[in-house]
N, C-alpha and C. Protein backbone atom coordinates (compact mmCIF):
# COMPACT_ATOMS: atom_id res chain seq x y z
N MET A 1 6.34 1.27 -10.91
CA MET A 1 6.25 2.69 -10.72
C MET A 1 7.14 3.13 -9.55
N LEU A 2 7.12 2.38 -8.47
CA LEU A 2 7.89 2.77 -7.29
C LEU A 2 9.39 2.59 -7.50
N ALA A 3 9.78 1.53 -8.18
CA ALA A 3 11.21 1.29 -8.39
C ALA A 3 11.82 2.39 -9.26
N ARG A 4 11.11 2.78 -10.30
CA ARG A 4 11.59 3.83 -11.19
C ARG A 4 11.69 5.15 -10.44
N ALA A 5 10.67 5.46 -9.64
CA ALA A 5 10.68 6.71 -8.87
C ALA A 5 11.77 6.69 -7.81
N ALA A 6 11.97 5.55 -7.17
CA ALA A 6 13.00 5.45 -6.12
C ALA A 6 14.39 5.65 -6.72
N THR A 7 14.62 5.09 -7.90
CA THR A 7 15.92 5.26 -8.56
C THR A 7 16.14 6.72 -8.91
N ALA A 8 15.11 7.36 -9.45
CA ALA A 8 15.24 8.77 -9.81
C ALA A 8 15.42 9.65 -8.58
N LEU A 9 14.73 9.34 -7.49
CA LEU A 9 14.88 10.13 -6.26
C LEU A 9 16.24 9.93 -5.62
N ALA A 10 16.80 8.74 -5.75
CA ALA A 10 18.12 8.50 -5.18
C ALA A 10 19.18 9.32 -5.92
N LYS A 11 18.95 9.53 -7.21
CA LYS A 11 19.90 10.33 -7.99
C LYS A 11 19.71 11.83 -7.74
N ASP A 12 18.45 12.28 -7.73
CA ASP A 12 18.15 13.70 -7.54
C ASP A 12 16.85 13.81 -6.75
N ALA A 13 16.96 14.14 -5.49
CA ALA A 13 15.80 14.17 -4.60
C ALA A 13 14.86 15.34 -4.88
N SER A 14 15.28 16.29 -5.69
CA SER A 14 14.43 17.45 -5.96
C SER A 14 13.64 17.30 -7.26
N GLU A 15 13.72 16.17 -7.91
CA GLU A 15 13.00 15.96 -9.16
C GLU A 15 11.51 15.78 -8.86
N LEU A 16 10.72 16.74 -9.31
CA LEU A 16 9.30 16.78 -8.97
C LEU A 16 8.52 15.61 -9.55
N LYS A 17 8.83 15.20 -10.76
CA LYS A 17 8.11 14.09 -11.39
C LYS A 17 8.33 12.79 -10.61
N ALA A 18 9.55 12.56 -10.17
CA ALA A 18 9.85 11.36 -9.40
C ALA A 18 9.15 11.38 -8.04
N VAL A 19 9.07 12.55 -7.43
CA VAL A 19 8.38 12.68 -6.14
C VAL A 19 6.90 12.35 -6.31
N LYS A 20 6.29 12.87 -7.38
CA LYS A 20 4.87 12.60 -7.63
C LYS A 20 4.63 11.12 -7.92
N GLN A 21 5.52 10.47 -8.67
CA GLN A 21 5.39 9.04 -8.94
C GLN A 21 5.54 8.23 -7.66
N TRP A 22 6.49 8.61 -6.83
CA TRP A 22 6.71 7.91 -5.56
C TRP A 22 5.47 8.04 -4.68
N GLU A 23 4.93 9.25 -4.60
CA GLU A 23 3.74 9.49 -3.79
C GLU A 23 2.53 8.72 -4.33
N ALA A 24 2.35 8.75 -5.64
CA ALA A 24 1.21 8.05 -6.25
C ALA A 24 1.33 6.54 -6.05
N GLY A 25 2.53 6.01 -6.16
CA GLY A 25 2.73 4.57 -5.95
C GLY A 25 2.38 4.15 -4.54
N HIS A 26 2.78 4.94 -3.57
CA HIS A 26 2.47 4.60 -2.19
C HIS A 26 0.99 4.78 -1.86
N VAL A 27 0.36 5.79 -2.43
CA VAL A 27 -1.07 5.99 -2.20
C VAL A 27 -1.85 4.81 -2.79
N LEU A 28 -1.47 4.37 -3.99
CA LEU A 28 -2.14 3.22 -4.59
C LEU A 28 -1.95 1.95 -3.77
N GLY A 29 -0.74 1.72 -3.30
CA GLY A 29 -0.48 0.53 -2.48
C GLY A 29 -1.28 0.53 -1.20
N MET A 30 -1.35 1.69 -0.55
CA MET A 30 -2.12 1.79 0.68
C MET A 30 -3.61 1.61 0.40
N ALA A 31 -4.08 2.16 -0.71
CA ALA A 31 -5.50 2.03 -1.05
C ALA A 31 -5.86 0.57 -1.32
N PHE A 32 -4.99 -0.16 -2.02
CA PHE A 32 -5.25 -1.57 -2.27
C PHE A 32 -5.29 -2.36 -0.96
N ALA A 33 -4.37 -2.07 -0.06
CA ALA A 33 -4.34 -2.78 1.21
C ALA A 33 -5.59 -2.46 2.05
N GLU A 34 -5.99 -1.21 2.04
CA GLU A 34 -7.18 -0.82 2.80
C GLU A 34 -8.45 -1.40 2.19
N SER A 35 -8.46 -1.57 0.88
CA SER A 35 -9.64 -2.15 0.24
C SER A 35 -9.86 -3.59 0.68
N LEU A 36 -8.79 -4.30 0.99
CA LEU A 36 -8.95 -5.66 1.52
C LEU A 36 -9.65 -5.64 2.87
N ALA A 37 -9.30 -4.67 3.70
CA ALA A 37 -9.98 -4.56 5.00
C ALA A 37 -11.46 -4.23 4.80
N LEU A 38 -11.77 -3.40 3.82
CA LEU A 38 -13.17 -3.09 3.55
C LEU A 38 -13.92 -4.32 3.06
N TRP A 39 -13.26 -5.17 2.28
CA TRP A 39 -13.90 -6.42 1.86
C TRP A 39 -14.18 -7.30 3.08
N GLY A 40 -13.31 -7.24 4.07
CA GLY A 40 -13.57 -7.96 5.31
C GLY A 40 -14.82 -7.46 6.01
N VAL A 41 -15.01 -6.15 6.00
CA VAL A 41 -16.22 -5.57 6.58
C VAL A 41 -17.45 -6.03 5.79
N VAL A 42 -17.34 -6.06 4.46
CA VAL A 42 -18.45 -6.51 3.63
C VAL A 42 -18.79 -7.97 3.92
N VAL A 43 -17.77 -8.80 4.03
CA VAL A 43 -18.00 -10.21 4.34
C VAL A 43 -18.70 -10.36 5.68
N ARG A 44 -18.26 -9.60 6.66
CA ARG A 44 -18.81 -9.73 8.02
C ARG A 44 -20.20 -9.12 8.14
N MET A 45 -20.38 -7.89 7.67
CA MET A 45 -21.62 -7.17 7.91
C MET A 45 -22.70 -7.44 6.85
N VAL A 46 -22.32 -7.42 5.62
CA VAL A 46 -23.31 -7.52 4.55
C VAL A 46 -23.64 -8.98 4.23
N LEU A 47 -22.61 -9.78 4.09
CA LEU A 47 -22.82 -11.18 3.71
C LEU A 47 -23.06 -12.10 4.89
N GLY A 48 -22.89 -11.57 6.10
CA GLY A 48 -23.16 -12.36 7.30
C GLY A 48 -22.12 -13.45 7.56
N GLY A 49 -20.91 -13.21 7.15
CA GLY A 49 -19.85 -14.20 7.34
C GLY A 49 -19.39 -14.27 8.78
N ALA A 50 -18.68 -15.32 9.08
CA ALA A 50 -18.13 -15.50 10.43
C ALA A 50 -16.93 -14.58 10.63
N LEU A 51 -16.60 -14.36 11.89
CA LEU A 51 -15.47 -13.50 12.22
C LEU A 51 -14.17 -14.04 11.65
N TRP A 52 -14.00 -15.36 11.67
CA TRP A 52 -12.75 -15.92 11.15
C TRP A 52 -12.62 -15.67 9.65
N GLN A 53 -13.73 -15.61 8.93
CA GLN A 53 -13.67 -15.32 7.50
C GLN A 53 -13.24 -13.88 7.25
N ALA A 54 -13.83 -12.97 7.99
CA ALA A 54 -13.46 -11.57 7.85
C ALA A 54 -12.04 -11.32 8.35
N SER A 55 -11.61 -12.08 9.36
CA SER A 55 -10.27 -11.91 9.91
C SER A 55 -9.19 -12.22 8.90
N LEU A 56 -9.48 -13.10 7.96
CA LEU A 56 -8.51 -13.37 6.90
C LEU A 56 -8.23 -12.10 6.10
N PHE A 57 -9.28 -11.38 5.75
CA PHE A 57 -9.11 -10.13 5.02
C PHE A 57 -8.40 -9.09 5.88
N TYR A 58 -8.78 -9.00 7.15
CA TYR A 58 -8.17 -8.03 8.04
C TYR A 58 -6.67 -8.29 8.21
N SER A 59 -6.31 -9.55 8.39
CA SER A 59 -4.90 -9.87 8.64
C SER A 59 -4.05 -9.65 7.38
N VAL A 60 -4.56 -10.02 6.22
CA VAL A 60 -3.80 -9.78 4.98
C VAL A 60 -3.65 -8.28 4.75
N SER A 61 -4.70 -7.53 5.04
CA SER A 61 -4.64 -6.08 4.89
C SER A 61 -3.59 -5.48 5.84
N LEU A 62 -3.57 -5.93 7.06
CA LEU A 62 -2.60 -5.43 8.03
C LEU A 62 -1.17 -5.75 7.59
N VAL A 63 -0.94 -6.96 7.12
CA VAL A 63 0.39 -7.35 6.66
C VAL A 63 0.82 -6.48 5.48
N LEU A 64 -0.08 -6.25 4.54
CA LEU A 64 0.25 -5.42 3.38
C LEU A 64 0.49 -3.97 3.79
N LEU A 65 -0.30 -3.46 4.72
CA LEU A 65 -0.08 -2.09 5.19
C LEU A 65 1.28 -1.94 5.85
N LEU A 66 1.69 -2.93 6.61
CA LEU A 66 3.01 -2.89 7.24
C LEU A 66 4.13 -3.07 6.22
N TYR A 67 3.91 -3.93 5.23
CA TYR A 67 4.91 -4.18 4.21
C TYR A 67 5.08 -2.99 3.28
N TRP A 68 3.97 -2.34 2.92
CA TRP A 68 4.00 -1.21 2.00
C TRP A 68 4.06 0.13 2.70
N THR A 69 4.59 0.18 3.92
CA THR A 69 4.75 1.44 4.62
C THR A 69 5.65 2.36 3.82
N PRO A 70 5.24 3.59 3.59
CA PRO A 70 6.08 4.50 2.80
C PRO A 70 7.44 4.71 3.44
N ARG A 71 8.45 4.55 2.61
CA ARG A 71 9.82 4.76 3.05
C ARG A 71 10.52 5.64 2.01
N LEU A 72 11.38 6.51 2.49
CA LEU A 72 12.16 7.31 1.56
C LEU A 72 13.26 6.45 0.95
N PRO A 73 13.48 6.56 -0.35
CA PRO A 73 14.56 5.79 -0.95
C PRO A 73 15.91 6.29 -0.45
N THR A 74 16.78 5.38 -0.08
CA THR A 74 18.07 5.78 0.49
C THR A 74 19.24 5.49 -0.43
N GLU A 75 19.07 4.53 -1.35
CA GLU A 75 20.17 4.18 -2.23
C GLU A 75 19.62 3.77 -3.59
N LEU A 76 20.50 3.66 -4.54
CA LEU A 76 20.09 3.27 -5.88
C LEU A 76 19.60 1.85 -5.91
N ALA A 77 18.54 1.60 -6.67
CA ALA A 77 17.98 0.24 -6.78
C ALA A 77 18.80 -0.60 -7.73
């Protein structure tokens, strides 16, 4: 979804459908990354897991949030 939207935005930045696809793709990616952090909270608080177990979820979530940071497309894919 993001690659197609990025290609369309690189060609014409005013295309509304491509902007909505780009936005939806980034919102979904951020939501998936944040859900991993919430699973870490569940492991720690609800299931009584150790901090190191929850930290695995927290660290993967942080890496994904940094990797999937929204960026404007600058060139054709």
